[in-house]
Amino acid sequence: MLDIVAKRYWFFGLSLLIIIPGLIFLIVFGLPLGLDFRGGSLLEVKFTSGTVPQTSEMRAFYQEHGFKDSVVQTSGTDIMIIRSDKMADDQKTQLIAAMETKFNSKIVVNRYENVDPAIGAEVVNQAGIAVALAALFIMGYIWFAFRGVQNAHRYGISAIIAMLHDILVVVGIEAMLGKFIGWEADALFLTALLTVIGFSVHDTIVVFDRIRENANIYRKLPYATLVNHSIVQTLDRSINTQLTVMLNLLALALIGGSTTQHFVIILLVGIFSGTYSSIFNAASILVVWENQDWKNWFRRNPEQTAA
């Protein structure tokens, strides 16, 4: 039988290899915040005639007019969405006129929004509170649901550790993508992050519930063997369920519009991470806790000591 629990430290190490580079990017470069968080202006324009400019040309145009940090996306063949520093209404009017002259095209404004930096800061705070409350409620629910099991609190805390693993993977990947391709964390990123939390905990609870059932059936089995048996029993279900979602997301990432591509790819990364952590990390943390492995982490091998 596949022994996942016996190789738990290999899987923990693989998680660290994925998380640490993201944390380095996050510390050095920070998380690139979008319009929803840092404030600014969003302008969506449609080119009804002439040639639609390239995104690099539009960024250069914005830079010429004093907006240095603009982010440009295309939607379809004739629509561009530009996020920039905050602009006044008269600046927007002048910018559209200059854009029509520059690119020799009639332009229709589909959407124009301004977000105040103070509102953006409030959104950041509310996002942090939302994630913290979600973690507390999840831990409390699992603790209550597994109250009939010995050391029920361990299940709730282990689920939160696995959830934090997925949050760190998603935020780290976002920091790296922000540095290399200019993506910014916006409201859709927060939506993807909260969705990932839900998927991760859902799959973890499935594994934990099977451990609870098997604990009443195989009472004489060593705990590590019991946990590994439970993981293997739920392995097909976990992979098949999440794979169905990931294949749909992959299709959206490949053929969907650019406006949803960021959201879909972050969601795809998070659900893949959630599937991994539920199978290879969450239940193994229970075994580490039960066996108190940390007591032997720095103890020398008896054979080496004798030598």
C-alpha atoms as a PDB file:
ATOM      1  CA  MET A   1       0.000   0.000   0.000  1.00  0.00           C
ATOM      2  CA  LEU A   2       1.173   3.527  -0.768  1.00  0.00           C
ATOM      3  CA  ASP A   3       2.820   4.894   2.392  1.00  0.00           C
ATOM      4  CA  ILE A   4       2.364   8.665   2.269  1.00  0.00           C
ATOM      5  CA  VAL A   5       2.757   9.273   5.994  1.00  0.00           C
ATOM      6  CA  ALA A   6       6.174   7.574   6.134  1.00  0.00           C
ATOM      7  CA  LYS A   7       7.472  10.090   3.577  1.00  0.00           C
ATOM      8  CA  ARG A   8       5.850  13.070   5.291  1.00  0.00           C
ATOM      9  CA  TYR A   9       9.077  15.037   5.697  1.00  0.00           C
ATOM     10  CA  TRP A  10       9.772  14.790   1.975  1.00  0.00           C
ATOM     11  CA  PHE A  11       6.386  16.345   1.311  1.00  0.00           C
ATOM     12  CA  PHE A  12       6.932  18.996   3.991  1.00  0.00           C
ATOM     13  CA  GLY A  13      10.269  19.793   2.341  1.00  0.00           C
ATOM     14  CA  LEU A  14       8.645  20.107  -1.082  1.00  0.00           C
ATOM     15  CA  SER A  15       6.144  22.571   0.376  1.00  0.00           C
ATOM     16  CA  LEU A  16       9.000  24.661   1.793  1.00  0.00           C
ATOM     17  CA  LEU A  17      10.752  24.649  -1.604  1.00  0.00           C
ATOM     18  CA  ILE A  18       7.609  26.197  -3.101  1.00  0.00           C
ATOM     19  CA  ILE A  19       6.811  28.605  -0.266  1.00  0.00           C
ATOM     20  CA  ILE A  20      10.271  30.040   0.499  1.00  0.00           C
ATOM     21  CA  PRO A  21      10.944  31.625  -2.953  1.00  0.00           C
ATOM     22  CA  GLY A  22       7.508  33.268  -2.822  1.00  0.00           C
ATOM     23  CA  LEU A  23       8.189  34.626   0.661  1.00  0.00           C
ATOM     24  CA  ILE A  24      11.536  36.031  -0.509  1.00  0.00           C
ATOM     25  CA  PHE A  25       9.795  37.859  -3.377  1.00  0.00           C
ATOM     26  CA  LEU A  26       7.099  39.037  -0.972  1.00  0.00           C
ATOM     27  CA  ILE A  27       9.645  40.445   1.503  1.00  0.00           C
ATOM     28  CA  VAL A  28      11.943  42.001  -1.101  1.00  0.00           C
ATOM     29  CA  PHE A  29       9.420  43.360  -3.615  1.00  0.00           C
ATOM     30  CA  GLY A  30       6.151  43.292  -1.644  1.00  0.00           C
ATOM     31  CA  LEU A  31       2.712  42.290  -2.874  1.00  0.00           C
ATOM     32  CA  PRO A  32       1.729  44.467  -5.866  1.00  0.00           C
ATOM     33  CA  LEU A  33      -1.616  45.988  -4.895  1.00  0.00           C
ATOM     34  CA  GLY A  34      -4.163  46.842  -7.551  1.00  0.00           C
ATOM     35  CA  LEU A  35      -6.583  49.710  -7.896  1.00  0.00           C
ATOM     36  CA  ASP A  36      -9.035  48.190  -5.410  1.00  0.00           C
ATOM     37  CA  PHE A  37      -6.438  48.377  -2.632  1.00  0.00           C
ATOM     38  CA  ARG A  38      -4.067  51.276  -3.345  1.00  0.00           C
ATOM     39  CA  GLY A  39      -6.560  53.625  -5.010  1.00  0.00           C
ATOM     40  CA  GLY A  40      -6.407  55.075  -8.521  1.00  0.00           C
ATOM     41  CA  SER A  41      -8.399  55.219 -11.745  1.00  0.00           C
ATOM     42  CA  LEU A  42      -9.766  52.562 -14.063  1.00  0.00           C
ATOM     43  CA  LEU A  43     -10.609  53.464 -17.639  1.00  0.00           C
ATOM     44  CA  GLU A  44     -12.180  51.011 -20.078  1.00  0.00           C
ATOM     45  CA  VAL A  45     -12.266  52.256 -23.667  1.00  0.00           C
ATOM     46  CA  LYS A  46     -13.486  50.828 -26.949  1.00  0.00           C
ATOM     47  CA  PHE A  47     -11.796  51.680 -30.249  1.00  0.00           C
ATOM     48  CA  THR A  48     -14.584  51.952 -32.822  1.00  0.00           C
ATOM     49  CA  SER A  49     -12.335  52.738 -35.796  1.00  0.00           C
ATOM     50  CA  GLY A  50      -8.700  52.667 -36.826  1.00  0.00           C
ATOM     51  CA  THR A  51      -6.091  50.317 -35.363  1.00  0.00           C
ATOM     52  CA  VAL A  52      -6.160  49.244 -31.734  1.00  0.00           C
ATOM     53  CA  PRO A  53      -2.770  50.067 -30.135  1.00  0.00           C
ATOM     54  CA  GLN A  54      -0.539  47.520 -28.471  1.00  0.00           C
ATOM     55  CA  THR A  55      -0.493  47.411 -24.671  1.00  0.00           C
ATOM     56  CA  SER A  56       3.099  48.713 -24.708  1.00  0.00           C
ATOM     57  CA  GLU A  57       2.011  51.680 -26.834  1.00  0.00           C
ATOM     58  CA  MET A  58      -0.801  52.500 -24.413  1.00  0.00           C
ATOM     59  CA  ARG A  59       1.547  52.315 -21.417  1.00  0.00           C
ATOM     60  CA  ALA A  60       3.958  54.656 -23.187  1.00  0.00           C
ATOM     61  CA  PHE A  61       1.058  57.016 -23.978  1.00  0.00           C
ATOM     62  CA  TYR A  62      -0.002  57.113 -20.337  1.00  0.00           C
ATOM     63  CA  GLN A  63       3.599  57.728 -19.286  1.00  0.00           C
ATOM     64  CA  GLU A  64       3.804  60.691 -21.645  1.00  0.00           C
ATOM     65  CA  HIS A  65       0.798  62.191 -19.851  1.00  0.00           C
ATOM     66  CA  GLY A  66       2.259  61.790 -16.368  1.00  0.00           C
ATOM     67  CA  PHE A  67       0.871  58.391 -15.319  1.00  0.00           C
ATOM     68  CA  LYS A  68       3.970  56.275 -14.707  1.00  0.00           C
ATOM     69  CA  ASP A  69       2.595  53.047 -13.222  1.00  0.00           C
ATOM     70  CA  SER A  70      -0.257  52.125 -15.543  1.00  0.00           C
ATOM     71  CA  VAL A  71      -1.422  48.542 -16.092  1.00  0.00           C
ATOM     72  CA  VAL A  72      -2.996  47.795 -19.472  1.00  0.00           C
ATOM     73  CA  GLN A  73      -5.172  44.814 -20.401  1.00  0.00           C
ATOM     74  CA  THR A  74      -7.036  43.946 -23.589  1.00  0.00           C
ATOM     75  CA  SER A  75     -10.531  42.486 -23.777  1.00  0.00           C
ATOM     76  CA  GLY A  76     -11.516  41.102 -27.133  1.00  0.00           C
ATOM     77  CA  THR A  77     -10.097  42.822 -30.181  1.00  0.00           C
ATOM     78  CA  ASP A  78     -11.118  46.434 -29.612  1.00  0.00           C
ATOM     79  CA  ILE A  79     -11.359  47.071 -25.855  1.00  0.00           C
ATOM     80  CA  MET A  80      -8.583  48.161 -23.522  1.00  0.00           C
ATOM     81  CA  ILE A  81      -8.705  48.410 -19.721  1.00  0.00           C
ATOM     82  CA  ILE A  82      -6.160  50.751 -18.160  1.00  0.00           C
ATOM     83  CA  ARG A  83      -5.466  51.094 -14.433  1.00  0.00           C
ATOM     84  CA  SER A  84      -3.426  54.100 -13.356  1.00  0.00           C
ATOM     85  CA  ASP A  85      -2.900  56.666 -10.631  1.00  0.00           C
ATOM     86  CA  LYS A  86      -5.984  58.652  -9.753  1.00  0.00           C
ATOM     87  CA  MET A  87      -7.055  61.238 -12.321  1.00  0.00           C
ATOM     88  CA  ALA A  88      -9.586  64.057 -12.216  1.00  0.00           C
ATOM     89  CA  ASP A  89     -12.585  64.196 -14.570  1.00  0.00           C
ATOM     90  CA  ASP A  90     -11.032  66.990 -16.646  1.00  0.00           C
ATOM     91  CA  GLN A  91      -7.804  64.955 -16.954  1.00  0.00           C
ATOM     92  CA  LYS A  92      -9.845  62.016 -18.206  1.00  0.00           C
ATOM     93  CA  THR A  93     -11.537  64.217 -20.849  1.00  0.00           C
ATOM     94  CA  GLN A  94      -8.180  65.557 -22.024  1.00  0.00           C
ATOM     95  CA  LEU A  95      -6.662  62.081 -22.040  1.00  0.00           C
ATOM     96  CA  ILE A  96      -9.453  60.662 -24.222  1.00  0.00           C
ATOM     97  CA  ALA A  97      -9.100  63.549 -26.691  1.00  0.00           C
ATOM     98  CA  ALA A  98      -5.335  63.027 -26.856  1.00  0.00           C
ATOM     99  CA  MET A  99      -5.864  59.280 -27.260  1.00  0.00           C
ATOM    100  CA  GLU A 100      -8.186  59.779 -30.245  1.00  0.00           C
ATOM    101  CA  THR A 101      -5.623  62.057 -31.878  1.00  0.00           C
ATOM    102  CA  LYS A 102      -2.678  59.788 -31.085  1.00  0.00           C
ATOM    103  CA  PHE A 103      -4.258  56.570 -32.343  1.00  0.00           C
ATOM    104  CA  ASN A 104      -6.514  58.093 -35.017  1.00  0.00           C
ATOM    105  CA  SER A 105      -9.640  56.368 -33.742  1.00  0.00           C
ATOM    106  CA  LYS A 106     -13.024  57.262 -32.313  1.00  0.00           C
ATOM    107  CA  ILE A 107     -13.115  56.104 -28.688  1.00  0.00           C
ATOM    108  CA  VAL A 108     -16.105  55.171 -26.537  1.00  0.00           C
ATOM    109  CA  VAL A 109     -15.678  55.122 -22.755  1.00  0.00           C
ATOM    110  CA  ASN A 110     -17.316  51.946 -21.433  1.00  0.00           C
ATOM    111  CA  ARG A 111     -16.292  52.422 -17.815  1.00  0.00           C
ATOM    112  CA  TYR A 112     -14.550  55.007 -15.678  1.00  0.00           C
ATOM    113  CA  GLU A 113     -13.939  54.553 -11.942  1.00  0.00           C
ATOM    114  CA  ASN A 114     -11.958  56.341  -9.264  1.00  0.00           C
ATOM    115  CA  VAL A 115     -11.013  54.707  -5.973  1.00  0.00           C
ATOM    116  CA  ASP A 116      -9.724  56.833  -3.107  1.00  0.00           C
ATOM    117  CA  PRO A 117      -6.531  55.552  -1.381  1.00  0.00           C
ATOM    118  CA  ALA A 118      -8.326  55.676   1.990  1.00  0.00           C
ATOM    119  CA  ILE A 119     -10.992  53.324   0.638  1.00  0.00           C
ATOM    120  CA  GLY A 120      -8.241  51.056  -0.688  1.00  0.00           C
ATOM    121  CA  ALA A 121      -6.596  50.923   2.763  1.00  0.00           C
ATOM    122  CA  GLU A 122      -9.964  50.053   4.306  1.00  0.00           C
ATOM    123  CA  VAL A 123     -10.388  47.229   1.798  1.00  0.00           C
ATOM    124  CA  VAL A 124      -6.938  45.854   2.762  1.00  0.00           C
ATOM    125  CA  ASN A 125      -7.884  45.883   6.446  1.00  0.00           C
ATOM    126  CA  GLN A 126     -11.236  44.239   5.762  1.00  0.00           C
ATOM    127  CA  ALA A 127      -9.522  41.588   3.639  1.00  0.00           C
ATOM    128  CA  GLY A 128      -7.163  40.724   6.499  1.00  0.00           C
ATOM    129  CA  ILE A 129     -10.060  40.588   8.965  1.00  0.00           C
ATOM    130  CA  ALA A 130     -12.053  38.358   6.580  1.00  0.00           C
ATOM    131  CA  VAL A 131      -9.212  35.829   6.286  1.00  0.00           C
ATOM    132  CA  ALA A 132      -8.606  35.851  10.067  1.00  0.00           C
ATOM    133  CA  LEU A 133     -12.302  35.359  10.846  1.00  0.00           C
ATOM    134  CA  ALA A 134     -12.540  32.574   8.269  1.00  0.00           C
ATOM    135  CA  ALA A 135      -9.617  30.787   9.950  1.00  0.00           C
ATOM    136  CA  LEU A 136     -11.160  31.150  13.419  1.00  0.00           C
ATOM    137  CA  PHE A 137     -14.595  29.941  12.335  1.00  0.00           C
ATOM    138  CA  ILE A 138     -13.102  26.990  10.432  1.00  0.00           C
ATOM    139  CA  MET A 139     -10.971  25.947  13.413  1.00  0.00           C
ATOM    140  CA  GLY A 140     -13.918  26.294  15.772  1.00  0.00           C
ATOM    141  CA  TYR A 141     -16.229  24.311  13.496  1.00  0.00           C
ATOM    142  CA  ILE A 142     -13.777  21.432  13.038  1.00  0.00           C
ATOM    143  CA  TRP A 143     -13.047  21.361  16.757  1.00  0.00           C
ATOM    144  CA  PHE A 144     -16.789  21.119  17.466  1.00  0.00           C
ATOM    145  CA  ALA A 145     -17.482  18.574  14.704  1.00  0.00           C
ATOM    146  CA  PHE A 146     -14.684  16.288  15.960  1.00  0.00           C
ATOM    147  CA  ARG A 147     -15.464  16.779  19.652  1.00  0.00           C
ATOM    148  CA  GLY A 148     -16.029  13.033  20.104  1.00  0.00           C
ATOM    149  CA  VAL A 149     -12.470  12.259  18.982  1.00  0.00           C
ATOM    150  CA  GLN A 150      -9.511  12.352  21.335  1.00  0.00           C
ATOM    151  CA  ASN A 151      -7.497  15.584  20.982  1.00  0.00           C
ATOM    152  CA  ALA A 152     -10.143  17.137  18.734  1.00  0.00           C
ATOM    153  CA  HIS A 153      -8.375  20.513  18.816  1.00  0.00           C
ATOM    154  CA  ARG A 154      -5.499  19.005  16.821  1.00  0.00           C
ATOM    155  CA  TYR A 155      -7.769  18.488  13.810  1.00  0.00           C
ATOM    156  CA  GLY A 156      -8.825  22.145  13.768  1.00  0.00           C
ATOM    157  CA  ILE A 157      -5.277  23.459  14.187  1.00  0.00           C
ATOM    158  CA  SER A 158      -3.873  21.050  11.571  1.00  0.00           C
ATOM    159  CA  ALA A 159      -6.532  22.175   9.080  1.00  0.00           C
ATOM    160  CA  ILE A 160      -5.561  25.820   9.703  1.00  0.00           C
ATOM    161  CA  ILE A 161      -1.859  25.030   9.197  1.00  0.00           C
ATOM    162  CA  ALA A 162      -2.694  23.368   5.861  1.00  0.00           C
ATOM    163  CA  MET A 163      -4.846  26.386   4.967  1.00  0.00           C
ATOM    164  CA  LEU A 164      -1.976  28.767   5.798  1.00  0.00           C
ATOM    165  CA  HIS A 165       0.224  26.655   3.514  1.00  0.00           C
ATOM    166  CA  ASP A 166      -2.152  27.358   0.633  1.00  0.00           C
ATOM    167  CA  ILE A 167      -2.410  31.075   1.467  1.00  0.00           C
ATOM    168  CA  LEU A 168       1.397  31.389   1.475  1.00  0.00           C
ATOM    169  CA  VAL A 169       1.652  29.548  -1.854  1.00  0.00           C
ATOM    170  CA  VAL A 170      -0.972  31.769  -3.499  1.00  0.00           C
ATOM    171  CA  VAL A 171       0.389  35.051  -2.085  1.00  0.00           C
ATOM    172  CA  GLY A 172       3.971  34.046  -2.933  1.00  0.00           C
ATOM    173  CA  ILE A 173       3.055  33.149  -6.519  1.00  0.00           C
ATOM    174  CA  GLU A 174       1.176  36.454  -6.815  1.00  0.00           C
ATOM    175  CA  ALA A 175       4.267  38.358  -5.628  1.00  0.00           C
ATOM    176  CA  MET A 176       6.412  36.556  -8.218  1.00  0.00           C
ATOM    177  CA  LEU A 177       3.931  37.110 -11.046  1.00  0.00           C
ATOM    178  CA  GLY A 178       3.644  40.761 -10.027  1.00  0.00           C
ATOM    179  CA  LYS A 179       7.380  41.170 -10.390  1.00  0.00           C
ATOM    180  CA  PHE A 180       7.744  39.332 -13.694  1.00  0.00           C
ATOM    181  CA  ILE A 181       4.541  40.117 -15.631  1.00  0.00           C
ATOM    182  CA  GLY A 182       3.038  43.052 -13.746  1.00  0.00           C
ATOM    183  CA  TRP A 183      -0.059  41.418 -12.280  1.00  0.00           C
ATOM    184  CA  GLU A 184      -1.614  43.211  -9.301  1.00  0.00           C
ATOM    185  CA  ALA A 185      -3.645  41.902  -6.373  1.00  0.00           C
ATOM    186  CA  ASP A 186      -7.191  43.226  -6.746  1.00  0.00           C
ATOM    187  CA  ALA A 187     -10.674  42.340  -5.505  1.00  0.00           C
ATOM    188  CA  LEU A 188     -10.775  39.263  -7.768  1.00  0.00           C
ATOM    189  CA  PHE A 189      -7.495  38.084  -6.248  1.00  0.00           C
ATOM    190  CA  LEU A 190      -9.082  38.306  -2.790  1.00  0.00           C
ATOM    191  CA  THR A 191     -12.104  36.380  -4.103  1.00  0.00           C
ATOM    192  CA  ALA A 192      -9.790  33.680  -5.471  1.00  0.00           C
ATOM    193  CA  LEU A 193      -7.922  33.506  -2.152  1.00  0.00           C
ATOM    194  CA  LEU A 194     -11.105  33.031  -0.120  1.00  0.00           C
ATOM    195  CA  THR A 195     -12.327  30.405  -2.602  1.00  0.00           C
ATOM    196  CA  VAL A 196      -9.015  28.537  -2.240  1.00  0.00           C
ATOM    197  CA  ILE A 197      -9.448  28.547   1.542  1.00  0.00           C
ATOM    198  CA  GLY A 198     -12.872  26.951   1.141  1.00  0.00           C
ATOM    199  CA  PHE A 199     -11.651  24.244  -1.241  1.00  0.00           C
ATOM    200  CA  SER A 200      -8.604  23.467   0.908  1.00  0.00           C
ATOM    201  CA  VAL A 201     -10.554  23.042   4.138  1.00  0.00           C
ATOM    202  CA  HIS A 202     -13.314  21.058   2.399  1.00  0.00           C
ATOM    203  CA  ASP A 203     -10.855  18.449   1.128  1.00  0.00           C
ATOM    204  CA  THR A 204      -9.010  18.331   4.456  1.00  0.00           C
ATOM    205  CA  ILE A 205     -12.245  17.633   6.339  1.00  0.00           C
ATOM    206  CA  VAL A 206     -12.965  14.690   4.011  1.00  0.00           C
ATOM    207  CA  VAL A 207      -9.643  13.091   4.986  1.00  0.00           C
ATOM    208  CA  PHE A 208     -10.107  13.892   8.687  1.00  0.00           C
ATOM    209  CA  ASP A 209     -13.623  12.451   8.676  1.00  0.00           C
ATOM    210  CA  ARG A 210     -12.305   9.176   7.272  1.00  0.00           C
ATOM    211  CA  ILE A 211      -9.656   9.116  10.018  1.00  0.00           C
ATOM    212  CA  ARG A 212     -12.435   9.541  12.591  1.00  0.00           C
ATOM    213  CA  GLU A 213     -14.435   6.676  11.072  1.00  0.00           C
ATOM    214  CA  ASN A 214     -11.452   4.346  10.876  1.00  0.00           C
ATOM    215  CA  ALA A 215     -10.427   5.145  14.447  1.00  0.00           C
ATOM    216  CA  ASN A 216     -13.581   3.343  15.599  1.00  0.00           C
ATOM    217  CA  ILE A 217     -13.012   0.391  13.265  1.00  0.00           C
ATOM    218  CA  TYR A 218      -9.246  -0.225  13.450  1.00  0.00           C
ATOM    219  CA  ARG A 219      -8.624   0.565  17.098  1.00  0.00           C
ATOM    220  CA  LYS A 220      -5.501  -1.585  17.386  1.00  0.00           C
ATOM    221  CA  LEU A 221      -3.689  -0.088  14.402  1.00  0.00           C
ATOM    222  CA  PRO A 222      -0.777   2.282  15.088  1.00  0.00           C
ATOM    223  CA  TYR A 223      -1.912   5.868  14.589  1.00  0.00           C
ATOM    224  CA  ALA A 224       0.417   6.517  11.623  1.00  0.00           C
ATOM    225  CA  THR A 225      -0.876   3.387   9.853  1.00  0.00           C
ATOM    226  CA  LEU A 226      -4.479   4.405  10.546  1.00  0.00           C
ATOM    227  CA  VAL A 227      -3.928   7.885   9.132  1.00  0.00           C
ATOM    228  CA  ASN A 228      -2.129   6.586   6.053  1.00  0.00           C
ATOM    229  CA  HIS A 229      -4.913   4.055   5.417  1.00  0.00           C
ATOM    230  CA  SER A 230      -7.476   6.888   5.628  1.00  0.00           C
ATOM    231  CA  ILE A 231      -5.516   9.066   3.191  1.00  0.00           C
ATOM    232  CA  VAL A 232      -5.245   6.243   0.650  1.00  0.00           C
ATOM    233  CA  GLN A 233      -8.974   5.491   0.962  1.00  0.00           C
ATOM    234  CA  THR A 234      -9.880   9.100   0.100  1.00  0.00           C
ATOM    235  CA  LEU A 235      -7.110   9.607  -2.460  1.00  0.00           C
ATOM    236  CA  ASP A 236      -9.162   8.803  -5.566  1.00  0.00           C
ATOM    237  CA  ARG A 237     -12.073  10.956  -4.427  1.00  0.00           C
ATOM    238  CA  SER A 238      -9.841  13.926  -3.587  1.00  0.00           C
ATOM    239  CA  ILE A 239      -7.932  13.841  -6.865  1.00  0.00           C
ATOM    240  CA  ASN A 240     -10.978  13.230  -9.074  1.00  0.00           C
ATOM    241  CA  THR A 241     -13.053  15.964  -7.430  1.00  0.00           C
ATOM    242  CA  GLN A 242     -10.339  18.595  -7.606  1.00  0.00           C
ATOM    243  CA  LEU A 243      -9.186  17.504 -11.064  1.00  0.00           C
ATOM    244  CA  THR A 244     -12.674  18.178 -12.431  1.00  0.00           C
ATOM    245  CA  VAL A 245     -12.475  21.752 -11.157  1.00  0.00           C
ATOM    246  CA  MET A 246      -8.884  22.254 -12.328  1.00  0.00           C
ATOM    247  CA  LEU A 247      -9.611  21.067 -15.867  1.00  0.00           C
ATOM    248  CA  ASN A 248     -12.429  23.584 -16.169  1.00  0.00           C
ATOM    249  CA  LEU A 249     -10.175  26.336 -14.827  1.00  0.00           C
ATOM    250  CA  LEU A 250      -7.410  25.320 -17.230  1.00  0.00           C
ATOM    251  CA  ALA A 251      -9.830  25.633 -20.154  1.00  0.00           C
ATOM    252  CA  LEU A 252     -10.860  29.105 -18.937  1.00  0.00           C
ATOM    253  CA  ALA A 253      -7.209  30.120 -18.558  1.00  0.00           C
ATOM    254  CA  LEU A 254      -6.397  29.028 -22.117  1.00  0.00           C
ATOM    255  CA  ILE A 255      -9.437  30.316 -24.001  1.00  0.00           C
ATOM    256  CA  GLY A 256     -11.016  32.829 -21.605  1.00  0.00           C
ATOM    257  CA  GLY A 257     -10.622  36.576 -21.838  1.00  0.00           C
ATOM    258  CA  SER A 258      -7.654  38.456 -20.396  1.00  0.00           C
ATOM    259  CA  THR A 259      -9.886  40.166 -17.832  1.00  0.00           C
ATOM    260  CA  THR A 260     -10.480  36.848 -16.021  1.00  0.00           C
ATOM    261  CA  GLN A 261      -7.146  35.180 -16.755  1.00  0.00           C
ATOM    262  CA  HIS A 262      -5.456  36.477 -13.600  1.00  0.00           C
ATOM    263  CA  PHE A 263      -8.325  35.317 -11.387  1.00  0.00           C
ATOM    264  CA  VAL A 264      -8.513  31.898 -13.029  1.00  0.00           C
ATOM    265  CA  ILE A 265      -4.760  31.176 -12.859  1.00  0.00           C
ATOM    266  CA  ILE A 266      -4.523  32.202  -9.191  1.00  0.00           C
ATOM    267  CA  LEU A 267      -7.534  29.995  -8.456  1.00  0.00           C
ATOM    268  CA  LEU A 268      -5.918  27.124 -10.374  1.00  0.00           C
ATOM    269  CA  VAL A 269      -2.675  27.466  -8.396  1.00  0.00           C
ATOM    270  CA  GLY A 270      -4.567  27.648  -5.102  1.00  0.00           C
ATOM    271  CA  ILE A 271      -6.779  24.621  -5.731  1.00  0.00           C
ATOM    272  CA  PHE A 272      -3.764  22.564  -6.828  1.00  0.00           C
ATOM    273  CA  SER A 273      -1.978  23.634  -3.628  1.00  0.00           C
ATOM    274  CA  GLY A 274      -5.087  22.855  -1.556  1.00  0.00           C
ATOM    275  CA  THR A 275      -5.321  19.365  -3.029  1.00  0.00           C
ATOM    276  CA  TYR A 276      -1.632  18.762  -2.296  1.00  0.00           C
ATOM    277  CA  SER A 277      -1.795  20.057   1.294  1.00  0.00           C
ATOM    278  CA  SER A 278      -4.957  18.064   2.072  1.00  0.00           C
ATOM    279  CA  ILE A 279      -3.414  14.794   0.904  1.00  0.00           C
ATOM    280  CA  PHE A 280       0.235  15.147   1.873  1.00  0.00           C
ATOM    281  CA  ASN A 281       0.389  17.684   4.709  1.00  0.00           C
ATOM    282  CA  ALA A 282      -2.755  18.066   6.818  1.00  0.00           C
ATOM    283  CA  ALA A 283      -3.139  14.484   8.074  1.00  0.00           C
ATOM    284  CA  SER A 284       0.623  14.027   8.387  1.00  0.00           C
ATOM    285  CA  ILE A 285       0.700  16.963  10.808  1.00  0.00           C
ATOM    286  CA  LEU A 286      -1.616  14.929  13.047  1.00  0.00           C
ATOM    287  CA  VAL A 287       0.916  12.088  13.019  1.00  0.00           C
ATOM    288  CA  VAL A 288       3.791  14.432  13.853  1.00  0.00           C
ATOM    289  CA  TRP A 289       1.742  15.787  16.751  1.00  0.00           C
ATOM    290  CA  GLU A 290       0.648  12.340  17.989  1.00  0.00           C
ATOM    291  CA  ASN A 291       4.181  10.902  17.838  1.00  0.00           C
ATOM    292  CA  GLN A 292       5.764  14.135  19.103  1.00  0.00           C
ATOM    293  CA  ASP A 293       8.354  13.862  16.350  1.00  0.00           C
ATOM    294  CA  TRP A 294       9.998  17.123  17.381  1.00  0.00           C
ATOM    295  CA  LYS A 295      11.611  15.352  20.340  1.00  0.00           C
ATOM    296  CA  ASN A 296      13.799  13.403  17.890  1.00  0.00           C
ATOM    297  CA  TRP A 297      14.503  16.119  15.313  1.00  0.00           C
ATOM    298  CA  PHE A 298      17.844  17.108  16.846  1.00  0.00           C
ATOM    299  CA  ARG A 299      18.695  13.839  18.573  1.00  0.00           C
ATOM    300  CA  ARG A 300      21.658  11.951  17.113  1.00  0.00           C
ATOM    301  CA  ASN A 301      21.229   8.476  15.715  1.00  0.00           C
ATOM    302  CA  PRO A 302      22.126   5.866  18.413  1.00  0.00           C
ATOM    303  CA  GLU A 303      24.510   4.087  16.026  1.00  0.00           C
ATOM    304  CA  GLN A 304      26.341   7.349  15.297  1.00  0.00           C
ATOM    305  CA  THR A 305      26.554   8.083  19.038  1.00  0.00           C
ATOM    306  CA  ALA A 306      28.052   4.625  19.735  1.00  0.00           C
ATOM    307  CA  ALA A 307      30.576   5.066  16.961  1.00  0.00           C
END
